PDB file of N, CA and C in Angstrom:
ATOM      1  N   UNK A   1     -18.846  51.350   0.158  1.00  0.00           N
ATOM      2  CA  UNK A   1     -19.869  51.253   1.179  1.00  0.00           C
ATOM      3  C   UNK A   1     -19.975  49.814   1.691  1.00  0.00           C
ATOM      4  N   UNK A   2     -19.868  48.861   0.772  1.00  0.00           N
ATOM      5  CA  UNK A   2     -19.950  47.457   1.149  1.00  0.00           C
ATOM      6  C   UNK A   2     -18.809  47.061   2.080  1.00  0.00           C
ATOM      7  N   UNK A   3     -17.617  47.561   1.786  1.00  0.00           N
ATOM      8  CA  UNK A   3     -16.454  47.235   2.616  1.00  0.00           C
ATOM      9  C   UNK A   3     -16.629  47.818   4.008  1.00  0.00           C
ATOM     10  N   UNK A   4     -17.179  49.014   4.106  1.00  0.00           N
ATOM     11  CA  UNK A   4     -17.419  49.629   5.410  1.00  0.00           C
ATOM     12  C   UNK A   4     -18.423  48.813   6.215  1.00  0.00           C
ATOM     13  N   UNK A   5     -19.495  48.382   5.591  1.00  0.00           N
ATOM     14  CA  UNK A   5     -20.483  47.561   6.288  1.00  0.00           C
ATOM     15  C   UNK A   5     -19.898  46.222   6.715  1.00  0.00           C
ATOM     16  N   UNK A   6     -19.060  45.645   5.884  1.00  0.00           N
ATOM     17  CA  UNK A   6     -18.410  44.392   6.247  1.00  0.00           C
ATOM     18  C   UNK A   6     -17.445  44.595   7.411  1.00  0.00           C
ATOM     19  N   UNK A   7     -16.728  45.706   7.392  1.00  0.00           N
ATOM     20  CA  UNK A   7     -15.802  46.022   8.479  1.00  0.00           C
ATOM     21  C   UNK A   7     -16.556  46.180   9.801  1.00  0.00           C
ATOM     22  N   UNK A   8     -17.684  46.854   9.771  1.00  0.00           N
ATOM     23  CA  UNK A   8     -18.500  47.022  10.980  1.00  0.00           C
ATOM     24  C   UNK A   8     -19.039  45.666  11.432  1.00  0.00           C
ATOM     25  N   UNK A   9     -19.451  44.831  10.505  1.00  0.00           N
ATOM     26  CA  UNK A   9     -19.937  43.504  10.859  1.00  0.00           C
ATOM     27  C   UNK A   9     -18.858  42.645  11.499  1.00  0.00           C
ATOM     28  N   UNK A  10     -17.648  42.740  10.993  1.00  0.00           N
ATOM     29  CA  UNK A  10     -16.557  41.979  11.576  1.00  0.00           C
ATOM     30  C   UNK A  10     -16.199  42.496  12.969  1.00  0.00           C
ATOM     31  N   UNK A  11     -16.281  43.796  13.178  1.00  0.00           N
ATOM     32  CA  UNK A  11     -16.034  44.335  14.517  1.00  0.00           C
ATOM     33  C   UNK A  11     -17.113  43.885  15.494  1.00  0.00           C
ATOM     34  N   UNK A  12     -18.348  43.790  15.036  1.00  0.00           N
ATOM     35  CA  UNK A  12     -19.422  43.278  15.894  1.00  0.00           C
ATOM     36  C   UNK A  12     -19.160  41.811  16.226  1.00  0.00           C
ATOM     37  N   UNK A  13     -18.680  41.044  15.255  1.00  0.00           N
ATOM     38  CA  UNK A  13     -18.305  39.652  15.524  1.00  0.00           C
ATOM     39  C   UNK A  13     -17.185  39.560  16.541  1.00  0.00           C
ATOM     40  N   UNK A  14     -16.236  40.475  16.467  1.00  0.00           N
ATOM     41  CA  UNK A  14     -15.152  40.502  17.442  1.00  0.00           C
ATOM     42  C   UNK A  14     -15.680  40.801  18.838  1.00  0.00           C
ATOM     43  N   UNK A  15     -16.645  41.684  18.929  1.00  0.00           N
ATOM     44  CA  UNK A  15     -17.248  41.988  20.229  1.00  0.00           C
ATOM     45  C   UNK A  15     -18.019  40.805  20.784  1.00  0.00           C
ATOM     46  N   UNK A  16     -18.659  40.037  19.924  1.00  0.00           N
ATOM     47  CA  UNK A  16     -19.378  38.845  20.385  1.00  0.00           C
ATOM     48  C   UNK A  16     -18.400  37.817  20.937  1.00  0.00           C
ATOM     49  N   UNK A  17     -17.281  37.645  20.255  1.00  0.00           N
ATOM     50  CA  UNK A  17     -16.252  36.729  20.758  1.00  0.00           C
ATOM     51  C   UNK A  17     -15.706  37.242  22.081  1.00  0.00           C
ATOM     52  N   UNK A  18     -15.574  38.553  22.205  1.00  0.00           N
ATOM     53  CA  UNK A  18     -15.090  39.153  23.447  1.00  0.00           C
ATOM     54  C   UNK A  18     -16.071  38.905  24.581  1.00  0.00           C
ATOM     55  N   UNK A  19     -17.359  38.944  24.287  1.00  0.00           N
ATOM     56  CA  UNK A  19     -18.369  38.688  25.322  1.00  0.00           C
ATOM     57  C   UNK A  19     -18.236  37.279  25.878  1.00  0.00           C
ATOM     58  N   UNK A  20     -17.857  36.312  25.041  1.00  0.00           N
ATOM     59  CA  UNK A  20     -17.635  34.944  25.525  1.00  0.00           C
ATOM     60  C   UNK A  20     -16.460  34.899  26.491  1.00  0.00           C
ATOM     61  N   UNK A  21     -15.419  35.631  26.186  1.00  0.00           N
ATOM     62  CA  UNK A  21     -14.229  35.623  27.026  1.00  0.00           C
ATOM     63  C   UNK A  21     -14.389  36.440  28.292  1.00  0.00           C
ATOM     64  N   UNK A  22     -15.284  37.402  28.288  1.00  0.00           N
ATOM     65  CA  UNK A  22     -15.442  38.288  29.439  1.00  0.00           C
ATOM     66  C   UNK A  22     -16.180  37.588  30.577  1.00  0.00           C
ATOM     67  N   UNK A  23     -16.822  36.461  30.299  1.00  0.00           N
ATOM     68  CA  UNK A  23     -17.506  35.720  31.359  1.00  0.00           C
ATOM     69  C   UNK A  23     -16.517  35.286  32.429  1.00  0.00           C
ATOM     70  N   UNK A  24     -15.289  35.081  32.018  1.00  0.00           N
ATOM     71  CA  UNK A  24     -14.222  34.772  32.965  1.00  0.00           C
ATOM     72  C   UNK A  24     -13.515  36.070  33.314  1.00  0.00           C
ATOM     73  N   UNK A  25     -12.877  36.102  34.461  1.00  0.00           N
ATOM     74  CA  UNK A  25     -12.172  37.304  34.896  1.00  0.00           C
ATOM     75  C   UNK A  25     -10.853  37.415  34.130  1.00  0.00           C
ATOM     76  N   UNK A  26     -10.807  38.345  33.185  1.00  0.00           N
ATOM     77  CA  UNK A  26      -9.651  38.481  32.313  1.00  0.00           C
ATOM     78  C   UNK A  26      -9.229  39.947  32.270  1.00  0.00           C
ATOM     79  N   UNK A  27      -7.941  40.190  32.359  1.00  0.00           N
ATOM     80  CA  UNK A  27      -7.411  41.538  32.210  1.00  0.00           C
ATOM     81  C   UNK A  27      -6.883  41.733  30.804  1.00  0.00           C
ATOM     82  N   UNK A  28      -7.313  42.798  30.154  1.00  0.00           N
ATOM     83  CA  UNK A  28      -6.807  43.219  28.837  1.00  0.00           C
ATOM     84  C   UNK A  28      -7.081  42.230  27.714  1.00  0.00           C
ATOM     85  N   UNK A  29      -8.064  41.347  27.846  1.00  0.00           N
ATOM     86  CA  UNK A  29      -8.366  40.434  26.746  1.00  0.00           C
ATOM     87  C   UNK A  29      -8.913  41.196  25.545  1.00  0.00           C
ATOM     88  N   UNK A  30      -9.691  42.213  25.778  1.00  0.00           N
ATOM     89  CA  UNK A  30     -10.233  43.014  24.681  1.00  0.00           C
ATOM     90  C   UNK A  30      -9.142  43.693  23.869  1.00  0.00           C
ATOM     91  N   UNK A  31      -8.159  44.267  24.548  1.00  0.00           N
ATOM     92  CA  UNK A  31      -7.050  44.903  23.844  1.00  0.00           C
ATOM     93  C   UNK A  31      -6.219  43.874  23.083  1.00  0.00           C
ATOM     94  N   UNK A  32      -6.042  42.697  23.655  1.00  0.00           N
ATOM     95  CA  UNK A  32      -5.291  41.654  22.969  1.00  0.00           C
ATOM     96  C   UNK A  32      -6.024  41.196  21.716  1.00  0.00           C
ATOM     97  N   UNK A  33      -7.350  41.041  21.814  1.00  0.00           N
ATOM     98  CA  UNK A  33      -8.123  40.606  20.649  1.00  0.00           C
ATOM     99  C   UNK A  33      -8.121  41.668  19.554  1.00  0.00           C
ATOM    100  N   UNK A  34      -8.225  42.928  19.935  1.00  0.00           N
ATOM    101  CA  UNK A  34      -8.159  44.002  18.943  1.00  0.00           C
ATOM    102  C   UNK A  34      -6.779  44.015  18.290  1.00  0.00           C
ATOM    103  N   UNK A  35      -5.746  43.768  19.071  1.00  0.00           N
ATOM    104  CA  UNK A  35      -4.397  43.701  18.517  1.00  0.00           C
ATOM    105  C   UNK A  35      -4.235  42.580  17.519  1.00  0.00           C
ATOM    106  N   UNK A  36      -4.729  41.380  17.857  1.00  0.00           N
ATOM    107  CA  UNK A  36      -4.653  40.259  16.918  1.00  0.00           C
ATOM    108  C   UNK A  36      -5.464  40.552  15.653  1.00  0.00           C
ATOM    109  N   UNK A  37      -6.610  41.212  15.810  1.00  0.00           N
ATOM    110  CA  UNK A  37      -7.453  41.555  14.674  1.00  0.00           C
ATOM    111  C   UNK A  37      -6.734  42.532  13.747  1.00  0.00           C
ATOM    112  N   UNK A  38      -6.148  43.567  14.331  1.00  0.00           N
ATOM    113  CA  UNK A  38      -5.487  44.586  13.517  1.00  0.00           C
ATOM    114  C   UNK A  38      -4.234  44.035  12.848  1.00  0.00           C
ATOM    115  N   UNK A  39      -3.437  43.285  13.594  1.00  0.00           N
ATOM    116  CA  UNK A  39      -2.203  42.741  13.017  1.00  0.00           C
ATOM    117  C   UNK A  39      -2.507  41.763  11.881  1.00  0.00           C
ATOM    118  N   UNK A  40      -3.523  40.931  12.050  1.00  0.00           N
ATOM    119  CA  UNK A  40      -3.811  39.954  10.999  1.00  0.00           C
ATOM    120  C   UNK A  40      -4.468  40.589   9.777  1.00  0.00           C
ATOM    121  N   UNK A  41      -5.012  41.791   9.911  1.00  0.00           N
ATOM    122  CA  UNK A  41      -5.620  42.443   8.752  1.00  0.00           C
ATOM    123  C   UNK A  41      -4.636  43.338   8.002  1.00  0.00           C
ATOM    124  N   UNK A  42      -3.411  43.489   8.504  1.00  0.00           N
ATOM    125  CA  UNK A  42      -2.422  44.335   7.830  1.00  0.00           C
ATOM    126  C   UNK A  42      -1.834  43.630   6.616  1.00  0.00           C
ATOM    127  N   UNK A  43      -1.850  44.300   5.468  1.00  0.00           N
ATOM    128  CA  UNK A  43      -1.242  43.683   4.280  1.00  0.00           C
ATOM    129  C   UNK A  43       0.203  44.117   4.108  1.00  0.00           C
ATOM    130  N   UNK A  44       0.981  43.252   3.555  1.00  0.00           N
ATOM    131  CA  UNK A  44       2.325  43.577   3.095  1.00  0.00           C
ATOM    132  C   UNK A  44       2.266  43.470   1.578  1.00  0.00           C
ATOM    133  N   UNK A  45       2.449  44.577   0.900  1.00  0.00           N
ATOM    134  CA  UNK A  45       2.304  44.574  -0.557  1.00  0.00           C
ATOM    135  C   UNK A  45       3.671  44.454  -1.222  1.00  0.00           C
ATOM    136  N   UNK A  46       3.787  43.406  -2.006  1.00  0.00           N
ATOM    137  CA  UNK A  46       4.980  43.191  -2.810  1.00  0.00           C
ATOM    138  C   UNK A  46       4.591  43.508  -4.244  1.00  0.00           C
ATOM    139  N   UNK A  47       5.012  44.665  -4.720  1.00  0.00           N
ATOM    140  CA  UNK A  47       4.593  45.236  -5.989  1.00  0.00           C
ATOM    141  C   UNK A  47       3.078  45.438  -5.961  1.00  0.00           C
ATOM    142  N   UNK A  48       2.292  44.625  -6.608  1.00  0.00           N
ATOM    143  CA  UNK A  48       0.841  44.771  -6.615  1.00  0.00           C
ATOM    144  C   UNK A  48       0.147  43.647  -5.837  1.00  0.00           C
ATOM    145  N   UNK A  49       0.894  42.662  -5.387  1.00  0.00           N
ATOM    146  CA  UNK A  49       0.337  41.478  -4.753  1.00  0.00           C
ATOM    147  C   UNK A  49       0.320  41.621  -3.230  1.00  0.00           C
ATOM    148  N   UNK A  50      -0.863  41.616  -2.609  1.00  0.00           N
ATOM    149  CA  UNK A  50      -0.901  41.686  -1.136  1.00  0.00           C
ATOM    150  C   UNK A  50      -0.585  40.322  -0.521  1.00  0.00           C
ATOM    151  N   UNK A  51       0.285  40.325   0.476  1.00  0.00           N
ATOM    152  CA  UNK A  51       0.703  39.102   1.159  1.00  0.00           C
ATOM    153  C   UNK A  51       0.222  39.193   2.607  1.00  0.00           C
ATOM    154  N   UNK A  52      -0.428  38.151   3.129  1.00  0.00           N
ATOM    155  CA  UNK A  52      -0.958  38.210   4.511  1.00  0.00           C
ATOM    156  C   UNK A  52       0.145  38.009   5.557  1.00  0.00           C
ATOM    157  N   UNK A  53       1.099  38.925   5.588  1.00  0.00           N
ATOM    158  CA  UNK A  53       2.234  38.805   6.493  1.00  0.00           C
ATOM    159  C   UNK A  53       1.795  38.948   7.955  1.00  0.00           C
ATOM    160  N   UNK A  54       0.832  39.819   8.216  1.00  0.00           N
ATOM    161  CA  UNK A  54       0.327  39.990   9.583  1.00  0.00           C
ATOM    162  C   UNK A  54      -0.353  38.737  10.102  1.00  0.00           C
ATOM    163  N   UNK A  55      -1.086  38.060   9.246  1.00  0.00           N
ATOM    164  CA  UNK A  55      -1.746  36.814   9.653  1.00  0.00           C
ATOM    165  C   UNK A  55      -0.716  35.732   9.947  1.00  0.00           C
ATOM    166  N   UNK A  56       0.362  35.697   9.192  1.00  0.00           N
ATOM    167  CA  UNK A  56       1.423  34.729   9.458  1.00  0.00           C
ATOM    168  C   UNK A  56       2.098  35.009  10.796  1.00  0.00           C
ATOM    169  N   UNK A  57       2.243  36.277  11.138  1.00  0.00           N
ATOM    170  CA  UNK A  57       2.794  36.637  12.445  1.00  0.00           C
ATOM    171  C   UNK A  57       1.856  36.167  13.554  1.00  0.00           C
ATOM    172  N   UNK A  58       0.557  36.356  13.357  1.00  0.00           N
ATOM    173  CA  UNK A  58      -0.423  35.900  14.356  1.00  0.00           C
ATOM    174  C   UNK A  58      -0.379  34.385  14.509  1.00  0.00           C
ATOM    175  N   UNK A  59      -0.249  33.669  13.419  1.00  0.00           N
ATOM    176  CA  UNK A  59      -0.150  32.211  13.512  1.00  0.00           C
ATOM    177  C   UNK A  59       1.084  31.789  14.292  1.00  0.00           C
ATOM    178  N   UNK A  60       2.159  32.522  14.120  1.00  0.00           N
ATOM    179  CA  UNK A  60       3.370  32.207  14.871  1.00  0.00           C
ATOM    180  C   UNK A  60       3.149  32.432  16.365  1.00  0.00           C
ATOM    181  N   UNK A  61       2.523  33.552  16.731  1.00  0.00           N
ATOM    182  CA  UNK A  61       2.275  33.840  18.143  1.00  0.00           C
ATOM    183  C   UNK A  61       1.254  32.877  18.750  1.00  0.00           C
ATOM    184  N   UNK A  62       0.314  32.409  17.954  1.00  0.00           N
ATOM    185  CA  UNK A  62      -0.717  31.510  18.462  1.00  0.00           C
ATOM    186  C   UNK A  62      -0.282  30.045  18.466  1.00  0.00           C
ATOM    187  N   UNK A  63       0.923  29.760  18.023  1.00  0.00           N
ATOM    188  CA  UNK A  63       1.376  28.373  17.977  1.00  0.00           C
ATOM    189  C   UNK A  63       1.890  27.869  19.327  1.00  0.00           C
ATOM    190  N   UNK A  64       2.048  28.766  20.291  1.00  0.00           N
ATOM    191  CA  UNK A  64       2.518  28.339  21.605  1.00  0.00           C
ATOM    192  C   UNK A  64       1.426  27.537  22.309  1.00  0.00           C
ATOM    193  N   UNK A  65       1.762  26.387  22.870  1.00  0.00           N
ATOM    194  CA  UNK A  65       0.714  25.551  23.497  1.00  0.00           C
ATOM    195  C   UNK A  65       0.223  26.087  24.836  1.00  0.00           C
ATOM    196  N   UNK A  66       0.987  26.915  25.517  1.00  0.00           N
ATOM    197  CA  UNK A  66       0.584  27.384  26.844  1.00  0.00           C
ATOM    198  C   UNK A  66      -0.121  28.737  26.802  1.00  0.00           C
ATOM    199  N   UNK A  67      -0.645  29.129  25.663  1.00  0.00           N
ATOM    200  CA  UNK A  67      -1.305  30.417  25.500  1.00  0.00           C
ATOM    201  C   UNK A  67      -2.698  30.389  26.114  1.00  0.00           C
ATOM    202  N   UNK A  68      -3.026  31.401  26.900  1.00  0.00           N
ATOM    203  CA  UNK A  68      -4.352  31.478  27.511  1.00  0.00           C
ATOM    204  C   UNK A  68      -5.343  32.099  26.524  1.00  0.00           C
ATOM    205  N   UNK A  69      -6.570  31.630  26.559  1.00  0.00           N
ATOM    206  CA  UNK A  69      -7.663  32.120  25.714  1.00  0.00           C
ATOM    207  C   UNK A  69      -7.288  32.058  24.232  1.00  0.00           C
ATOM    208  N   UNK A  70      -6.765  30.926  23.864  1.00  0.00           N
ATOM    209  CA  UNK A  70      -6.284  30.728  22.491  1.00  0.00           C
ATOM    210  C   UNK A  70      -7.430  30.765  21.485  1.00  0.00           C
ATOM    211  N   UNK A  71      -8.583  30.216  21.842  1.00  0.00           N
ATOM    212  CA  UNK A  71      -9.704  30.152  20.906  1.00  0.00           C
ATOM    213  C   UNK A  71     -10.195  31.552  20.549  1.00  0.00           C
ATOM    214  N   UNK A  72     -10.343  32.422  21.535  1.00  0.00           N
ATOM    215  CA  UNK A  72     -10.806  33.782  21.269  1.00  0.00           C
ATOM    216  C   UNK A  72      -9.801  34.547  20.417  1.00  0.00           C
ATOM    217  N   UNK A  73      -8.524  34.355  20.671  1.00  0.00           N
ATOM    218  CA  UNK A  73      -7.506  35.051  19.902  1.00  0.00           C
ATOM    219  C   UNK A  73      -7.433  34.517  18.474  1.00  0.00           C
ATOM    220  N   UNK A  74      -7.659  33.215  18.290  1.00  0.00           N
ATOM    221  CA  UNK A  74      -7.687  32.652  16.943  1.00  0.00           C
ATOM    222  C   UNK A  74      -8.862  33.206  16.152  1.00  0.00           C
ATOM    223  N   UNK A  75     -10.017  33.327  16.803  1.00  0.00           N
ATOM    224  CA  UNK A  75     -11.178  33.886  16.111  1.00  0.00           C
ATOM    225  C   UNK A  75     -10.954  35.346  15.738  1.00  0.00           C
ATOM    226  N   UNK A  76     -10.316  36.109  16.609  1.00  0.00           N
ATOM    227  CA  UNK A  76     -10.031  37.510  16.307  1.00  0.00           C
ATOM    228  C   UNK A  76      -9.071  37.624  15.126  1.00  0.00           C
ATOM    229  N   UNK A  77      -8.050  36.781  15.094  1.00  0.00           N
ATOM    230  CA  UNK A  77      -7.117  36.838  13.967  1.00  0.00           C
ATOM    231  C   UNK A  77      -7.769  36.332  12.682  1.00  0.00           C
ATOM    232  N   UNK A  78      -8.680  35.381  12.784  1.00  0.00           N
ATOM    233  CA  UNK A  78      -9.394  34.903  11.601  1.00  0.00           C
ATOM    234  C   UNK A  78     -10.316  35.993  11.044  1.00  0.00           C
ATOM    235  N   UNK A  79     -10.977  36.742  11.912  1.00  0.00           N
ATOM    236  CA  UNK A  79     -11.799  37.859  11.449  1.00  0.00           C
ATOM    237  C   UNK A  79     -10.937  38.916  10.764  1.00  0.00           C
ATOM    238  N   UNK A  80      -9.762  39.173  11.286  1.00  0.00           N
ATOM    239  CA  UNK A  80      -8.844  40.096  10.631  1.00  0.00           C
ATOM    240  C   UNK A  80      -8.390  39.594   9.277  1.00  0.00           C
ATOM    241  N   UNK A  81      -8.160  38.283   9.165  1.00  0.00           N
ATOM    242  CA  UNK A  81      -7.756  37.706   7.888  1.00  0.00           C
ATOM    243  C   UNK A  81      -8.895  37.799   6.869  1.00  0.00           C
ATOM    244  N   UNK A  82     -10.125  37.615   7.327  1.00  0.00           N
ATOM    245  CA  UNK A  82     -11.275  37.771   6.427  1.00  0.00           C
ATOM    246  C   UNK A  82     -11.346  39.195   5.919  1.00  0.00           C
ATOM    247  N   UNK A  83     -11.105  40.169   6.796  1.00  0.00           N
ATOM    248  CA  UNK A  83     -11.089  41.562   6.338  1.00  0.00           C
ATOM    249  C   UNK A  83      -9.941  41.795   5.354  1.00  0.00           C
ATOM    250  N   UNK A  84      -8.800  41.159   5.584  1.00  0.00           N
ATOM    251  CA  UNK A  84      -7.681  41.272   4.653  1.00  0.00           C
ATOM    252  C   UNK A  84      -8.080  40.761   3.265  1.00  0.00           C
ATOM    253  N   UNK A  85      -8.756  39.623   3.217  1.00  0.00           N
ATOM    254  CA  UNK A  85      -9.184  39.044   1.947  1.00  0.00           C
ATOM    255  C   UNK A  85     -10.178  39.975   1.240  1.00  0.00           C
ATOM    256  N   UNK A  86     -11.133  40.506   1.997  1.00  0.00           N
ATOM    257  CA  UNK A  86     -12.117  41.402   1.401  1.00  0.00           C
ATOM    258  C   UNK A  86     -11.438  42.664   0.889  1.00  0.00           C
ATOM    259  N   UNK A  87     -10.503  43.183   1.639  1.00  0.00           N
ATOM    260  CA  UNK A  87      -9.781  44.379   1.210  1.00  0.00           C
ATOM    261  C   UNK A  87      -8.943  44.092  -0.028  1.00  0.00           C
ATOM    262  N   UNK A  88      -8.379  42.909  -0.128  1.00  0.00           N
ATOM    263  CA  UNK A  88      -7.565  42.555  -1.298  1.00  0.00           C
ATOM    264  C   UNK A  88      -8.420  42.357  -2.545  1.00  0.00           C
ATOM    265  N   UNK A  89      -9.623  41.843  -2.361  1.00  0.00           N
ATOM    266  CA  UNK A  89     -10.507  41.591  -3.512  1.00  0.00           C
ATOM    267  C   UNK A  89     -11.146  42.878  -4.023  1.00  0.00           C
ATOM    268  N   UNK A  90     -11.581  43.727  -3.112  1.00  0.00           N
ATOM    269  CA  UNK A  90     -12.254  44.961  -3.534  1.00  0.00           C
ATOM    270  C   UNK A  90     -11.270  46.073  -3.533  1.00  0.00           C
TER     271      UNK A  90
END
């Protein structure tokens, strides 16, 4: 139950970050943020040890200097990584 409530809280945080980005005229920013969130929360399990492989992929994509709305996408991937950590602990 706690994990479900945390997941809902993180999705609400993602929506708040999206509201900041929506003030500007942006196409598909919401879908991009959901994508970064989902990819960064995916675990790669090596035997019993979860590895944040999705978060590493997000860091690679976010390393480009000419990326638009980089701050919002970083926050979305960070929220996904937090969910990954919570899922790994519980």
